[in-house]
PDB file of N, CA and C in Angstrom:
ATOM      1  N   MET A   1     -13.213 -14.497   6.816  1.00  0.00           N
ATOM      2  CA  MET A   1     -12.408 -14.330   5.707  1.00  0.00           C
ATOM      3  C   MET A   1     -11.190 -14.052   7.040  1.00  0.00           C
ATOM      4  N   GLU A   2     -10.209 -14.872   6.006  1.00  0.00           N
ATOM      5  CA  GLU A   2      -8.805 -14.721   7.050  1.00  0.00           C
ATOM      6  C   GLU A   2      -7.710 -13.929   5.525  1.00  0.00           C
ATOM      7  N   PHE A   3      -6.365 -13.081   5.779  1.00  0.00           N
ATOM      8  CA  PHE A   3      -5.919 -12.576   4.920  1.00  0.00           C
ATOM      9  C   PHE A   3      -4.457 -13.417   5.143  1.00  0.00           C
ATOM     10  N   ARG A   4      -3.928 -13.372   4.520  1.00  0.00           N
ATOM     11  CA  ARG A   4      -1.902 -14.236   4.491  1.00  0.00           C
ATOM     12  C   ARG A   4      -1.557 -12.719   4.112  1.00  0.00           C
ATOM     13  N   TRP A   5      -0.634 -11.970   5.080  1.00  0.00           N
ATOM     14  CA  TRP A   5       0.416 -10.861   4.221  1.00  0.00           C
ATOM     15  C   TRP A   5       1.065 -11.081   4.718  1.00  0.00           C
ATOM     16  N   ASN A   6       2.894 -10.782   3.606  1.00  0.00           N
ATOM     17  CA  ASN A   6       4.328 -11.358   3.917  1.00  0.00           C
ATOM     18  C   ASN A   6       4.510  -9.975   3.064  1.00  0.00           C
ATOM     19  N   GLU A   7       6.027  -9.599   3.281  1.00  0.00           N
ATOM     20  CA  GLU A   7       6.893  -8.382   3.143  1.00  0.00           C
ATOM     21  C   GLU A   7       6.448  -8.131   1.871  1.00  0.00           C
ATOM     22  N   TRP A   8       6.344  -9.342   0.834  1.00  0.00           N
ATOM     23  CA  TRP A   8       6.211  -8.991  -1.156  1.00  0.00           C
ATOM     24  C   TRP A   8       4.964  -8.455  -0.861  1.00  0.00           C
ATOM     25  N   ASN A   9       4.014  -8.799  -0.350  1.00  0.00           N
ATOM     26  CA  ASN A   9       2.826  -8.114  -1.012  1.00  0.00           C
ATOM     27  C   ASN A   9       2.400  -7.047  -0.094  1.00  0.00           C
ATOM     28  N   ALA A  10       2.644  -6.698   1.403  1.00  0.00           N
ATOM     29  CA  ALA A  10       2.248  -5.201   1.619  1.00  0.00           C
ATOM     30  C   ALA A  10       3.424  -4.394   1.205  1.00  0.00           C
ATOM     31  N   GLU A  11       4.409  -4.606   0.675  1.00  0.00           N
ATOM     32  CA  GLU A  11       5.533  -3.481   0.574  1.00  0.00           C
ATOM     33  C   GLU A  11       4.767  -3.124  -1.566  1.00  0.00           C
ATOM     34  N   HIS A  12       4.385  -4.412  -1.674  1.00  0.00           N
ATOM     35  CA  HIS A  12       3.903  -4.198  -2.990  1.00  0.00           C
ATOM     36  C   HIS A  12       2.859  -3.030  -3.037  1.00  0.00           C
ATOM     37  N   VAL A  13       2.141  -3.789  -2.514  1.00  0.00           N
ATOM     38  CA  VAL A  13       0.710  -2.449  -2.191  1.00  0.00           C
ATOM     39  C   VAL A  13       0.683  -1.219  -1.667  1.00  0.00           C
ATOM     40  N   GLY A  14       1.827  -1.235  -0.810  1.00  0.00           N
ATOM     41  CA  GLY A  14       2.518   0.048   0.293  1.00  0.00           C
ATOM     42  C   GLY A  14       2.785   1.233  -1.408  1.00  0.00           C
ATOM     43  N   GLN A  15       3.955   0.377  -2.381  1.00  0.00           N
ATOM     44  CA  GLN A  15       4.333   0.742  -3.280  1.00  0.00           C
ATOM     45  C   GLN A  15       3.206   1.919  -4.275  1.00  0.00           C
ATOM     46  N   HIS A  16       1.788   1.459  -3.686  1.00  0.00           N
ATOM     47  CA  HIS A  16       0.517   2.326  -4.470  1.00  0.00           C
ATOM     48  C   HIS A  16       0.061   2.760  -3.567  1.00  0.00           C
ATOM     49  N   GLY A  17       0.551   2.936  -2.759  1.00  0.00           N
ATOM     50  CA  GLY A  17      -0.353   4.356  -1.557  1.00  0.00           C
ATOM     51  C   GLY A  17      -0.894   3.457  -0.557  1.00  0.00           C
ATOM     52  N   ILE A  18      -1.066   2.006  -1.207  1.00  0.00           N
ATOM     53  CA  ILE A  18      -2.386   1.791  -0.259  1.00  0.00           C
ATOM     54  C   ILE A  18      -2.129   0.737   0.883  1.00  0.00           C
ATOM     55  N   GLU A  19      -3.028   0.595   2.091  1.00  0.00           N
ATOM     56  CA  GLU A  19      -2.604   0.345   3.150  1.00  0.00           C
ATOM     57  C   GLU A  19      -3.113  -1.570   3.283  1.00  0.00           C
ATOM     58  N   PRO A  20      -2.442  -2.420   3.851  1.00  0.00           N
ATOM     59  CA  PRO A  20      -2.982  -3.577   3.625  1.00  0.00           C
ATOM     60  C   PRO A  20      -4.546  -3.744   4.480  1.00  0.00           C
ATOM     61  N   GLU A  21      -5.164  -3.100   5.191  1.00  0.00           N
ATOM     62  CA  GLU A  21      -6.090  -2.871   5.573  1.00  0.00           C
ATOM     63  C   GLU A  21      -7.292  -2.071   4.762  1.00  0.00           C
ATOM     64  N   ALA A  22      -7.071  -1.358   3.763  1.00  0.00           N
ATOM     65  CA  ALA A  22      -7.771  -1.009   3.140  1.00  0.00           C
ATOM     66  C   ALA A  22      -7.939  -1.776   2.348  1.00  0.00           C
ATOM     67  N   ALA A  23      -7.073  -2.349   1.424  1.00  0.00           N
ATOM     68  CA  ALA A  23      -7.347  -3.552   0.267  1.00  0.00           C
ATOM     69  C   ALA A  23      -7.843  -4.857   1.050  1.00  0.00           C
ATOM     70  N   GLU A  24      -7.803  -4.843   2.961  1.00  0.00           N
ATOM     71  CA  GLU A  24      -9.158  -6.031   2.861  1.00  0.00           C
ATOM     72  C   GLU A  24     -10.411  -5.908   2.818  1.00  0.00           C
ATOM     73  N   HIS A  25     -10.345  -4.504   3.564  1.00  0.00           N
ATOM     74  CA  HIS A  25     -11.630  -3.857   3.805  1.00  0.00           C
ATOM     75  C   HIS A  25     -12.538  -4.042   2.208  1.00  0.00           C
ATOM     76  N   VAL A  26     -11.709  -3.535   0.809  1.00  0.00           N
ATOM     77  CA  VAL A  26     -12.839  -3.793  -0.656  1.00  0.00           C
ATOM     78  C   VAL A  26     -12.743  -5.033  -0.758  1.00  0.00           C
ATOM     79  N   VAL A  27     -12.344  -6.284  -0.140  1.00  0.00           N
ATOM     80  CA  VAL A  27     -12.414  -7.529  -0.874  1.00  0.00           C
ATOM     81  C   VAL A  27     -13.713  -7.629   0.574  1.00  0.00           C
ATOM     82  N   GLU A  28     -13.604  -7.361   1.556  1.00  0.00           N
ATOM     83  CA  GLU A  28     -14.549  -8.305   2.410  1.00  0.00           C
ATOM     84  C   GLU A  28     -15.922  -7.774   2.176  1.00  0.00           C
ATOM     85  N   GLU A  29     -15.659  -6.074   1.875  1.00  0.00           N
ATOM     86  CA  GLU A  29     -17.189  -5.651   1.526  1.00  0.00           C
ATOM     87  C   GLU A  29     -17.202  -5.614  -0.574  1.00  0.00           C
ATOM     88  N   ALA A  30     -17.083  -6.844  -1.399  1.00  0.00           N
ATOM     89  CA  ALA A  30     -16.914  -6.553  -2.216  1.00  0.00           C
ATOM     90  C   ALA A  30     -18.625  -6.694  -2.440  1.00  0.00           C
ATOM     91  N   THR A  31     -19.323  -6.259  -3.343  1.00  0.00           N
ATOM     92  CA  THR A  31     -20.679  -6.128  -4.168  1.00  0.00           C
ATOM     93  C   THR A  31     -20.528  -6.803  -5.394  1.00  0.00           C
ATOM     94  N   ALA A  32     -21.951  -7.615  -6.479  1.00  0.00           N
ATOM     95  CA  ALA A  32     -21.724  -8.744  -7.432  1.00  0.00           C
ATOM     96  C   ALA A  32     -21.727  -7.275  -8.098  1.00  0.00           C
ATOM     97  N   PRO A  33     -20.714  -6.703  -9.005  1.00  0.00           N
ATOM     98  CA  PRO A  33     -20.712  -8.554 -10.098  1.00  0.00           C
ATOM     99  C   PRO A  33     -19.192  -8.472  -9.155  1.00  0.00           C
ATOM    100  N   TYR A  34     -18.656  -8.105  -8.632  1.00  0.00           N
ATOM    101  CA  TYR A  34     -17.376  -8.390  -7.676  1.00  0.00           C
ATOM    102  C   TYR A  34     -17.461  -9.265  -6.539  1.00  0.00           C
ATOM    103  N   PRO A  35     -16.419  -9.963  -6.199  1.00  0.00           N
ATOM    104  CA  PRO A  35     -15.558 -10.268  -7.433  1.00  0.00           C
ATOM    105  C   PRO A  35     -15.576 -11.008  -8.293  1.00  0.00           C
ATOM    106  N   ARG A  36     -14.894 -10.714  -9.385  1.00  0.00           N
ATOM    107  CA  ARG A  36     -15.058 -11.295 -10.594  1.00  0.00           C
ATOM    108  C   ARG A  36     -13.325 -11.891 -10.707  1.00  0.00           C
ATOM    109  N   ARG A  37     -13.595 -13.029 -11.751  1.00  0.00           N
ATOM    110  CA  ARG A  37     -12.434 -13.939 -12.152  1.00  0.00           C
ATOM    111  C   ARG A  37     -12.188 -13.766 -13.170  1.00  0.00           C
ATOM    112  N   ILE A  38     -10.646 -13.627 -12.775  1.00  0.00           N
ATOM    113  CA  ILE A  38      -9.499 -13.135 -14.157  1.00  0.00           C
ATOM    114  C   ILE A  38      -8.528 -14.315 -14.348  1.00  0.00           C
ATOM    115  N   GLY A  39      -8.397 -14.671 -15.405  1.00  0.00           N
ATOM    116  CA  GLY A  39      -7.158 -15.889 -15.443  1.00  0.00           C
ATOM    117  C   GLY A  39      -8.090 -16.789 -14.803  1.00  0.00           C
ATOM    118  N   GLU A  40      -7.188 -17.460 -14.338  1.00  0.00           N
ATOM    119  CA  GLU A  40      -7.335 -19.376 -13.939  1.00  0.00           C
ATOM    120  C   GLU A  40      -7.704 -19.013 -12.295  1.00  0.00           C
ATOM    121  N   GLU A  41      -6.636 -18.096 -11.798  1.00  0.00           N
ATOM    122  CA  GLU A  41      -7.337 -18.141 -10.537  1.00  0.00           C
ATOM    123  C   GLU A  41      -7.314 -16.876  -9.482  1.00  0.00           C
ATOM    124  N   LYS A  42      -6.826 -15.891 -10.510  1.00  0.00           N
ATOM    125  CA  LYS A  42      -7.009 -14.331  -9.962  1.00  0.00           C
ATOM    126  C   LYS A  42      -8.791 -14.123  -9.752  1.00  0.00           C
ATOM    127  N   LEU A  43      -9.178 -13.685  -8.902  1.00  0.00           N
ATOM    128  CA  LEU A  43      -9.903 -12.073  -8.809  1.00  0.00           C
ATOM    129  C   LEU A  43      -9.524 -11.031  -8.738  1.00  0.00           C
ATOM    130  N   LEU A  44     -10.610 -10.385  -9.055  1.00  0.00           N
ATOM    131  CA  LEU A  44     -10.957  -8.900  -9.164  1.00  0.00           C
ATOM    132  C   LEU A  44     -11.394  -8.098  -8.426  1.00  0.00           C
ATOM    133  N   ALA A  45     -11.245  -7.513  -7.600  1.00  0.00           N
ATOM    134  CA  ALA A  45     -12.501  -6.438  -6.338  1.00  0.00           C
ATOM    135  C   ALA A  45     -12.173  -4.812  -6.456  1.00  0.00           C
ATOM    136  N   TRP A  46     -13.642  -4.582  -7.198  1.00  0.00           N
ATOM    137  CA  TRP A  46     -13.621  -2.776  -7.416  1.00  0.00           C
ATOM    138  C   TRP A  46     -14.040  -2.550  -5.847  1.00  0.00           C
ATOM    139  N   GLY A  47     -14.018  -1.349  -5.399  1.00  0.00           N
ATOM    140  CA  GLY A  47     -15.135  -1.138  -4.419  1.00  0.00           C
ATOM    141  C   GLY A  47     -14.968  -0.331  -3.614  1.00  0.00           C
ATOM    142  N   PRO A  48     -14.971   0.950  -2.247  1.00  0.00           N
ATOM    143  CA  PRO A  48     -13.963   1.319  -1.776  1.00  0.00           C
ATOM    144  C   PRO A  48     -13.597   1.273  -0.354  1.00  0.00           C
ATOM    145  N   ASP A  49     -12.616   2.014  -0.131  1.00  0.00           N
ATOM    146  CA  ASP A  49     -11.745   1.295   1.473  1.00  0.00           C
ATOM    147  C   ASP A  49     -12.953   2.354   2.206  1.00  0.00           C
ATOM    148  N   SER A  50     -12.270   2.129   4.107  1.00  0.00           N
ATOM    149  CA  SER A  50     -13.406   2.059   4.370  1.00  0.00           C
ATOM    150  C   SER A  50     -13.542   3.927   5.156  1.00  0.00           C
ATOM    151  N   ALA A  51     -12.490   4.879   3.873  1.00  0.00           N
ATOM    152  CA  ALA A  51     -12.486   6.409   3.515  1.00  0.00           C
ATOM    153  C   ALA A  51     -13.425   6.655   2.369  1.00  0.00           C
ATOM    154  N   GLY A  52     -13.479   5.586   1.805  1.00  0.00           N
ATOM    155  CA  GLY A  52     -14.288   5.999   0.478  1.00  0.00           C
ATOM    156  C   GLY A  52     -13.618   6.278  -0.262  1.00  0.00           C
ATOM    157  N   ASP A  53     -12.483   5.368  -0.765  1.00  0.00           N
ATOM    158  CA  ASP A  53     -11.604   5.559  -1.540  1.00  0.00           C
ATOM    159  C   ASP A  53     -11.761   5.108  -2.483  1.00  0.00           C
ATOM    160  N   LEU A  54     -11.973   4.651  -3.513  1.00  0.00           N
ATOM    161  CA  LEU A  54     -12.019   3.558  -4.617  1.00  0.00           C
ATOM    162  C   LEU A  54     -10.710   2.627  -5.132  1.00  0.00           C
ATOM    163  N   LEU A  55     -10.846   1.836  -5.330  1.00  0.00           N
ATOM    164  CA  LEU A  55      -9.498   0.558  -4.724  1.00  0.00           C
ATOM    165  C   LEU A  55      -9.536  -0.425  -5.707  1.00  0.00           C
ATOM    166  N   GLN A  56      -8.727  -0.996  -6.602  1.00  0.00           N
ATOM    167  CA  GLN A  56      -8.594  -2.163  -7.294  1.00  0.00           C
ATOM    168  C   GLN A  56      -7.948  -3.444  -6.731  1.00  0.00           C
ATOM    169  N   VAL A  57      -8.349  -4.992  -5.900  1.00  0.00           N
ATOM    170  CA  VAL A  57      -7.634  -5.642  -5.683  1.00  0.00           C
ATOM    171  C   VAL A  57      -7.867  -6.340  -5.988  1.00  0.00           C
ATOM    172  N   ILE A  58      -6.554  -7.050  -6.838  1.00  0.00           N
ATOM    173  CA  ILE A  58      -6.518  -8.362  -7.378  1.00  0.00           C
ATOM    174  C   ILE A  58      -5.951  -9.281  -6.170  1.00  0.00           C
ATOM    175  N   PHE A  59      -6.300 -10.379  -5.838  1.00  0.00           N
ATOM    176  CA  PHE A  59      -6.539 -11.982  -5.181  1.00  0.00           C
ATOM    177  C   PHE A  59      -6.102 -13.069  -5.592  1.00  0.00           C
ATOM    178  N   VAL A  60      -6.099 -13.872  -4.753  1.00  0.00           N
ATOM    179  CA  VAL A  60      -6.419 -15.270  -5.043  1.00  0.00           C
ATOM    180  C   VAL A  60      -6.514 -16.325  -3.397  1.00  0.00           C
ATOM    181  N   LEU A  61      -7.332 -16.793  -3.626  1.00  0.00           N
ATOM    182  CA  LEU A  61      -7.579 -17.732  -2.581  1.00  0.00           C
ATOM    183  C   LEU A  61      -6.952 -18.688  -2.243  1.00  0.00           C
ATOM    184  N   ASP A  62      -6.248 -19.080  -1.224  1.00  0.00           N
ATOM    185  CA  ASP A  62      -4.899 -19.896  -0.992  1.00  0.00           C
ATOM    186  C   ASP A  62      -6.023 -21.533  -0.435  1.00  0.00           C
ATOM    187  N   GLU A  63      -5.324 -22.469  -0.714  1.00  0.00           N
ATOM    188  CA  GLU A  63      -5.839 -23.891  -0.434  1.00  0.00           C
ATOM    189  C   GLU A  63      -6.493 -23.624   0.508  1.00  0.00           C
ATOM    190  N   ASP A  64      -6.455 -23.412   1.586  1.00  0.00           N
ATOM    191  CA  ASP A  64      -7.297 -22.727   3.231  1.00  0.00           C
ATOM    192  C   ASP A  64      -7.824 -21.996   2.933  1.00  0.00           C
ATOM    193  N   ALA A  65      -8.548 -21.133   2.145  1.00  0.00           N
ATOM    194  CA  ALA A  65      -9.434 -20.539   1.548  1.00  0.00           C
ATOM    195  C   ALA A  65      -8.907 -19.226   2.080  1.00  0.00           C
ATOM    196  N   SER A  66      -7.997 -18.656   2.384  1.00  0.00           N
ATOM    197  CA  SER A  66      -7.621 -17.619   2.647  1.00  0.00           C
ATOM    198  C   SER A  66      -7.206 -16.500   1.722  1.00  0.00           C
ATOM    199  N   VAL A  67      -6.834 -15.586   2.089  1.00  0.00           N
ATOM    200  CA  VAL A  67      -7.024 -14.016   1.104  1.00  0.00           C
ATOM    201  C   VAL A  67      -5.876 -14.105   0.876  1.00  0.00           C
ATOM    202  N   TYR A  68      -5.029 -13.714  -0.300  1.00  0.00           N
ATOM    203  CA  TYR A  68      -3.607 -13.930  -0.283  1.00  0.00           C
ATOM    204  C   TYR A  68      -3.580 -12.399  -1.500  1.00  0.00           C
ATOM    205  N   VAL A  69      -2.879 -11.338  -0.859  1.00  0.00           N
ATOM    206  CA  VAL A  69      -3.157  -9.986  -2.200  1.00  0.00           C
ATOM    207  C   VAL A  69      -2.301 -10.152  -3.110  1.00  0.00           C
ATOM    208  N   LEU A  70      -2.431  -9.453  -4.220  1.00  0.00           N
ATOM    209  CA  LEU A  70      -1.665  -9.557  -4.978  1.00  0.00           C
ATOM    210  C   LEU A  70      -1.241  -7.979  -5.362  1.00  0.00           C
ATOM    211  N   HIS A  71      -2.299  -7.240  -5.437  1.00  0.00           N
ATOM    212  CA  HIS A  71      -1.894  -6.199  -6.418  1.00  0.00           C
ATOM    213  C   HIS A  71      -3.206  -5.438  -5.764  1.00  0.00           C
ATOM    214  N   ALA A  72      -2.910  -4.479  -5.727  1.00  0.00           N
ATOM    215  CA  ALA A  72      -3.925  -2.782  -5.143  1.00  0.00           C
ATOM    216  C   ALA A  72      -3.486  -1.592  -5.103  1.00  0.00           C
ATOM    217  N   ARG A  73      -4.546  -0.853  -5.739  1.00  0.00           N
ATOM    218  CA  ARG A  73      -4.327   0.397  -6.677  1.00  0.00           C
ATOM    219  C   ARG A  73      -5.620   1.319  -6.616  1.00  0.00           C
ATOM    220  N   SER A  74      -5.590   2.712  -6.231  1.00  0.00           N
ATOM    221  CA  SER A  74      -7.006   3.315  -6.634  1.00  0.00           C
ATOM    222  C   SER A  74      -6.887   2.991  -8.119  1.00  0.00           C
ATOM    223  N   LEU A  75      -8.170   3.214  -7.925  1.00  0.00           N
ATOM    224  CA  LEU A  75      -8.824   2.957  -9.948  1.00  0.00           C
ATOM    225  C   LEU A  75      -8.395   4.561 -10.179  1.00  0.00           C
ATOM    226  N   THR A  76      -8.254   4.710 -11.672  1.00  0.00           N
ATOM    227  CA  THR A  76      -8.418   5.823 -12.048  1.00  0.00           C
ATOM    228  C   THR A  76      -9.324   6.430 -12.429  1.00  0.00           C
ATOM    229  N   GLU A  77      -9.349   7.474 -12.809  1.00  0.00           N
ATOM    230  CA  GLU A  77     -10.424   8.519 -12.996  1.00  0.00           C
ATOM    231  C   GLU A  77     -11.835   7.788 -13.901  1.00  0.00           C
ATOM    232  N   ARG A  78     -11.420   7.253 -15.168  1.00  0.00           N
ATOM    233  CA  ARG A  78     -12.337   6.625 -15.888  1.00  0.00           C
ATOM    234  C   ARG A  78     -12.648   5.341 -15.266  1.00  0.00           C
ATOM    235  N   GLU A  79     -11.862   4.643 -14.968  1.00  0.00           N
ATOM    236  CA  GLU A  79     -12.677   3.284 -14.215  1.00  0.00           C
ATOM    237  C   GLU A  79     -13.741   4.248 -12.902  1.00  0.00           C
ATOM    238  N   LYS A  80     -13.272   4.711 -12.475  1.00  0.00           N
ATOM    239  CA  LYS A  80     -14.674   5.386 -10.997  1.00  0.00           C
ATOM    240  C   LYS A  80     -15.329   5.453 -11.612  1.00  0.00           C
ATOM    241  N   ARG A  81     -15.748   6.546 -12.984  1.00  0.00           N
ATOM    242  CA  ARG A  81     -16.737   6.601 -13.410  1.00  0.00           C
ATOM    243  C   ARG A  81     -17.816   5.007 -14.103  1.00  0.00           C
ATOM    244  N   ARG A  82     -16.641   4.305 -14.451  1.00  0.00           N
ATOM    245  CA  ARG A  82     -17.077   3.125 -14.488  1.00  0.00           C
ATOM    246  C   ARG A  82     -17.867   2.172 -13.147  1.00  0.00           C
ATOM    247  N   TYR A  83     -17.473   2.550 -12.733  1.00  0.00           N
ATOM    248  CA  TYR A  83     -17.737   2.153 -11.554  1.00  0.00           C
ATOM    249  C   TYR A  83     -19.268   2.023 -10.925  1.00  0.00           C
ATOM    250  N   ARG A  84     -19.159   3.380 -10.600  1.00  0.00           N
ATOM    251  CA  ARG A  84     -20.271   4.085 -10.193  1.00  0.00           C
ATOM    252  C   ARG A  84     -21.362   4.042 -11.320  1.00  0.00           C
ATOM    253  N   ARG A  85     -20.968   3.982 -12.591  1.00  0.00           N
ATOM    254  CA  ARG A  85     -22.618   3.673 -13.704  1.00  0.00           C
ATOM    255  C   ARG A  85     -22.896   2.372 -13.116  1.00  0.00           C
ATOM    256  N   GLN A  86     -22.054   1.315 -12.843  1.00  0.00           N
ATOM    257  CA  GLN A  86     -21.994   0.149 -12.517  1.00  0.00           C
ATOM    258  C   GLN A  86     -23.471  -0.127 -11.130  1.00  0.00           C
ATOM    259  N   ARG A  87     -23.341   1.112 -10.104  1.00  0.00           N
ATOM    260  CA  ARG A  87     -24.122   0.570  -9.049  1.00  0.00           C
ATOM    261  C   ARG A  87     -25.363   1.323  -9.577  1.00  0.00           C
ATOM    262  N   ARG A  88     -25.275   1.868 -10.439  1.00  0.00           N
ATOM    263  CA  ARG A  88     -26.868   2.741 -10.777  1.00  0.00           C
ATOM    264  C   ARG A  88     -27.885   1.459 -10.383  1.00  0.00           C
TER     265      ARG A  88
END
């Protein structure tokens, strides 16, 4: 899986305290029901980064199938509970 980073998306996820590698890990390791389609082209993944922190990553697949991350942030406490219930 190839990721496409530029100044804008790397800075944007950084504003939420997320490193690009953490967002990549969540997308690469996503398990059902993720990634989930939101809207026409966007995909959503929830899951742990390599440190175990639960993140949300929103991304699109470019024409060449590379992943372009639009947004990444930590899950809220409520979202974490929902994610853990889904895993049971």
